[in-house]
Amino acid sequence: MAYKIINLKDIYNAIGEEKTKEKLREFSCSLNNDVEYFLKEKAIEFSKQDISRTYIVMSQYKNKDVIVGYFAITNKVTNIKKVNLSKTKRKNLLKFAVYDKENKNYSISLPLIGQIGKNYTNNYDKLISGDLLLKLAFDKIKEAQEIVGGRFVFIECEDKQKLLHFYESNGFVCFGKRNLEKDEIDKNTGKYLLQMLCDLSKK
């Protein structure tokens, strides 16, 4: 099946914000309120402010282009505790990070897949697998890393076994957790998000 990966910025520049918002209303994700809320309420503004880039993934269904999923990418500084990494990962990470001896952690600026989700409207989610959607995000990040360098990416997700299994099966390892911010509490379960790291050179 063929997919189109379109920068949200290109969409609203072509058809305007209001028509873009109408198109985004076709997206629903009952599994994660934050994923749906971000796309409908924050993605355009974050794109305009260059905070993040959102990519809409589309495919053909009954001769019509429909949204099957999306992912949003940004760059974020994070801290990784030394004790949470294997010797090999520490060695590889040190090339890109600054080590803080006092706090025993690495400070590093990394691409963050801030949001990723499938569209459950009309069962469009069945038109793409989660593994493939994640691979499309990987590919887009690797394009940028070909230009500026780098090899790692990280995500933040809820502490749920199904999510852990999904990300671990795609090469991520957990390195820590981050407490939820005020505007995240009502859209997530629990009080924190797990932070997970992936080496894209192995992808």
Protein backbone atom coordinates (compact mmCIF):
# COMPACT_ATOMS: atom_id res chain seq x y z
CA MET A 1 0.00 0.00 0.00
CA ALA A 2 1.29 3.46 -0.90
CA TYR A 3 1.48 6.24 1.68
CA LYS A 4 1.89 9.99 1.43
CA ILE A 5 3.83 11.71 4.22
CA ILE A 6 2.93 15.40 4.18
CA ASN A 7 4.29 18.17 6.36
CA LEU A 8 1.34 19.86 8.09
CA LYS A 9 2.96 23.20 7.28
CA ASP A 10 2.61 22.49 3.56
CA ILE A 11 -1.07 21.65 4.02
CA TYR A 12 -2.12 24.84 5.81
CA ASN A 13 0.04 26.96 3.49
CA ALA A 14 -1.78 25.42 0.52
CA ILE A 15 -5.40 25.40 1.69
CA GLY A 16 -5.41 27.69 4.73
CA GLU A 17 -5.77 27.03 8.46
CA GLU A 18 -9.55 26.67 8.62
CA LYS A 19 -9.76 24.04 5.89
CA THR A 20 -6.79 22.26 7.47
CA LYS A 21 -8.56 22.20 10.83
CA GLU A 22 -11.64 20.77 9.14
CA LYS A 23 -9.50 18.00 7.66
CA LEU A 24 -7.91 17.26 11.03
CA ARG A 25 -11.35 16.81 12.61
CA GLU A 26 -11.50 13.51 10.71
CA PHE A 27 -8.84 12.16 13.09
CA SER A 28 -9.77 10.33 16.28
CA CYS A 29 -7.75 8.30 18.76
CA SER A 30 -9.74 7.08 21.74
CA LEU A 31 -6.71 5.10 22.95
CA ASN A 32 -4.81 8.29 23.73
CA ASN A 33 -6.57 11.61 24.29
CA ASP A 34 -3.29 13.52 24.19
CA VAL A 35 -2.53 12.29 20.66
CA GLU A 36 -5.88 13.52 19.36
CA TYR A 37 -5.79 16.78 21.34
CA PHE A 38 -2.32 17.70 20.07
CA LEU A 39 -3.21 17.24 16.41
CA LYS A 40 -6.44 19.22 16.63
CA GLU A 41 -5.44 21.94 19.08
CA LYS A 42 -1.66 22.40 19.07
CA ALA A 43 -0.03 21.02 15.93
CA ILE A 44 -0.64 24.01 13.66
CA GLU A 45 0.47 26.56 16.25
CA PHE A 46 3.58 24.54 17.16
CA SER A 47 4.41 24.33 13.45
CA LYS A 48 3.99 28.08 12.94
CA GLN A 49 6.27 28.75 15.92
CA ASP A 50 8.83 26.16 14.69
CA ILE A 51 8.50 24.26 17.97
CA SER A 52 7.85 20.97 16.18
CA ARG A 53 7.02 19.49 12.80
CA THR A 54 3.92 17.36 12.33
CA TYR A 55 3.66 14.89 9.45
CA ILE A 56 0.31 13.62 8.25
CA VAL A 57 0.31 10.10 6.81
CA MET A 58 -2.32 9.49 4.16
CA SER A 59 -3.43 6.55 2.07
CA GLN A 60 -6.12 5.68 -0.45
CA TYR A 61 -9.42 4.24 0.75
CA LYS A 62 -12.25 3.79 -1.76
CA ASN A 63 -10.49 6.16 -4.19
CA LYS A 64 -10.19 8.86 -1.55
CA ASP A 65 -7.15 10.18 0.34
CA VAL A 66 -7.69 9.65 4.06
CA ILE A 67 -5.58 10.30 7.15
CA VAL A 68 -4.33 7.00 8.55
CA GLY A 69 -1.99 8.44 11.17
CA TYR A 70 0.51 11.12 12.03
CA PHE A 71 3.68 11.79 13.96
CA ALA A 72 5.24 14.95 15.38
CA ILE A 73 8.97 15.52 15.77
CA THR A 74 10.88 18.11 17.77
CA ASN A 75 14.30 18.52 19.33
CA LYS A 76 14.64 18.42 23.11
CA VAL A 77 17.39 18.45 25.70
CA THR A 78 17.08 15.58 28.16
CA ASN A 79 19.16 14.00 30.92
CA ILE A 80 20.08 10.34 30.94
CA LYS A 81 21.38 8.70 34.11
CA LYS A 82 24.64 6.81 33.70
CA VAL A 83 23.36 3.80 35.66
CA ASN A 84 20.45 3.31 33.24
CA LEU A 85 22.63 2.51 30.23
CA SER A 86 24.81 -0.41 29.20
CA LYS A 87 28.55 0.23 28.74
CA THR A 88 28.16 0.07 24.96
CA LYS A 89 25.33 2.61 24.87
CA ARG A 90 27.22 4.90 27.27
CA LYS A 91 30.24 4.79 24.96
CA ASN A 92 28.16 5.58 21.88
CA LEU A 93 26.12 8.27 23.62
CA LEU A 94 29.20 10.04 25.00
CA LYS A 95 30.08 11.10 21.45
CA PHE A 96 26.94 13.25 21.33
CA ALA A 97 26.38 14.18 24.99
CA VAL A 98 27.92 16.20 27.80
CA TYR A 99 28.57 14.17 30.95
CA ASP A 100 27.79 15.81 34.31
CA LYS A 101 30.08 14.12 36.86
CA GLU A 102 28.31 15.62 39.88
CA ASN A 103 24.84 14.35 38.93
CA LYS A 104 26.15 11.30 37.05
CA ASN A 105 24.04 11.87 33.97
CA TYR A 106 24.40 12.78 30.31
CA SER A 107 22.85 15.98 29.00
CA ILE A 108 21.98 15.59 25.36
CA SER A 109 19.87 17.25 22.68
CA LEU A 110 17.92 14.61 20.78
CA PRO A 111 15.10 14.29 18.27
CA LEU A 112 11.90 13.50 20.16
CA ILE A 113 8.93 11.76 18.59
CA GLY A 114 6.55 13.86 20.66
CA GLN A 115 3.35 12.38 19.28
CA ILE A 116 2.50 9.39 17.14
CA GLY A 117 -0.84 7.73 16.55
CA LYS A 118 -3.20 6.04 14.13
CA ASN A 119 -6.59 7.37 13.02
CA TYR A 120 -9.43 5.21 14.37
CA THR A 121 -12.15 7.04 12.45
CA ASN A 122 -13.97 4.60 10.13
CA ASN A 123 -11.34 1.94 10.98
CA TYR A 124 -8.68 3.80 9.01
CA ASP A 125 -6.22 2.53 11.65
CA LYS A 126 -6.35 -0.85 9.91
CA LEU A 127 -4.75 0.68 6.81
CA ILE A 128 -1.36 1.00 8.52
CA SER A 129 0.49 -0.87 11.26
CA GLY A 130 2.01 0.81 14.27
CA ASP A 131 5.42 -0.60 13.31
CA LEU A 132 5.22 0.99 9.86
CA LEU A 133 4.03 4.35 11.22
CA LEU A 134 7.00 4.37 13.59
CA LYS A 135 9.35 3.44 10.75
CA LEU A 136 8.09 6.41 8.74
CA ALA A 137 8.96 8.65 11.70
CA PHE A 138 12.40 7.01 11.93
CA ASP A 139 12.99 7.61 8.22
CA LYS A 140 12.11 11.29 8.51
CA ILE A 141 14.49 11.73 11.47
CA LYS A 142 17.28 9.87 9.65
CA GLU A 143 16.89 12.29 6.73
CA ALA A 144 17.64 15.17 9.12
CA GLN A 145 20.52 13.28 10.76
CA GLU A 146 22.09 12.73 7.34
CA ILE A 147 22.42 16.52 7.19
CA VAL A 148 23.30 17.48 10.79
CA GLY A 149 24.61 14.21 12.25
CA GLY A 150 23.36 12.18 15.19
CA ARG A 151 22.02 8.65 15.59
CA PHE A 152 19.67 8.54 18.58
CA VAL A 153 15.98 9.36 19.05
CA PHE A 154 13.74 9.17 22.11
CA ILE A 155 10.07 8.98 22.99
CA GLU A 156 7.99 9.51 26.11
CA CYS A 157 5.04 7.20 26.74
CA GLU A 158 2.65 6.08 29.43
CA ASP A 159 3.75 3.23 31.67
CA LYS A 160 1.57 0.58 30.04
CA GLN A 161 2.74 -2.94 29.23
CA LYS A 162 1.36 -2.85 25.68
CA LEU A 163 3.19 0.38 24.89
CA LEU A 164 6.41 -0.87 26.49
CA HIS A 165 6.29 -4.04 24.44
CA PHE A 166 5.63 -2.07 21.24
CA TYR A 167 8.56 0.29 21.71
CA GLU A 168 10.95 -2.35 23.03
CA SER A 169 10.17 -4.55 20.02
CA ASN A 170 11.16 -1.58 17.85
CA GLY A 171 14.55 -1.11 19.49
CA PHE A 172 13.85 1.30 22.36
CA VAL A 173 15.27 0.91 25.87
CA CYS A 174 13.92 2.72 28.92
CA PHE A 175 16.30 5.22 30.52
CA GLY A 176 14.11 7.14 32.95
CA LYS A 177 10.82 8.84 33.64
CA ARG A 178 9.45 12.39 33.60
CA ASN A 179 6.68 13.75 35.80
CA LEU A 180 3.62 15.02 33.96
CA GLU A 181 3.19 18.75 33.53
CA LYS A 182 -0.07 20.40 34.58
CA ASP A 183 -1.57 20.50 31.09
CA GLU A 184 -0.77 16.79 30.57
CA ILE A 185 -2.42 15.37 33.69
CA ASP A 186 -6.00 15.19 32.38
CA LYS A 187 -4.90 13.61 29.09
CA ASN A 188 -2.71 10.83 30.48
CA THR A 189 -3.04 8.12 33.09
CA GLY A 190 -0.56 7.94 35.94
CA LYS A 191 1.73 10.69 37.17
CA TYR A 192 4.70 10.29 34.84
CA LEU A 193 5.86 9.28 31.37
CA LEU A 194 8.53 6.70 30.66
CA GLN A 195 11.47 7.91 28.56
CA MET A 196 12.89 5.50 26.00
CA LEU A 197 15.94 5.71 23.74
CA CYS A 198 16.61 4.13 20.33
CA ASP A 199 19.83 3.92 18.27
CA LEU A 200 18.77 4.61 14.68
CA SER A 201 22.09 3.41 13.27
CA LYS A 202 20.73 -0.09 13.85
CA LYS A 203 17.54 0.63 11.90
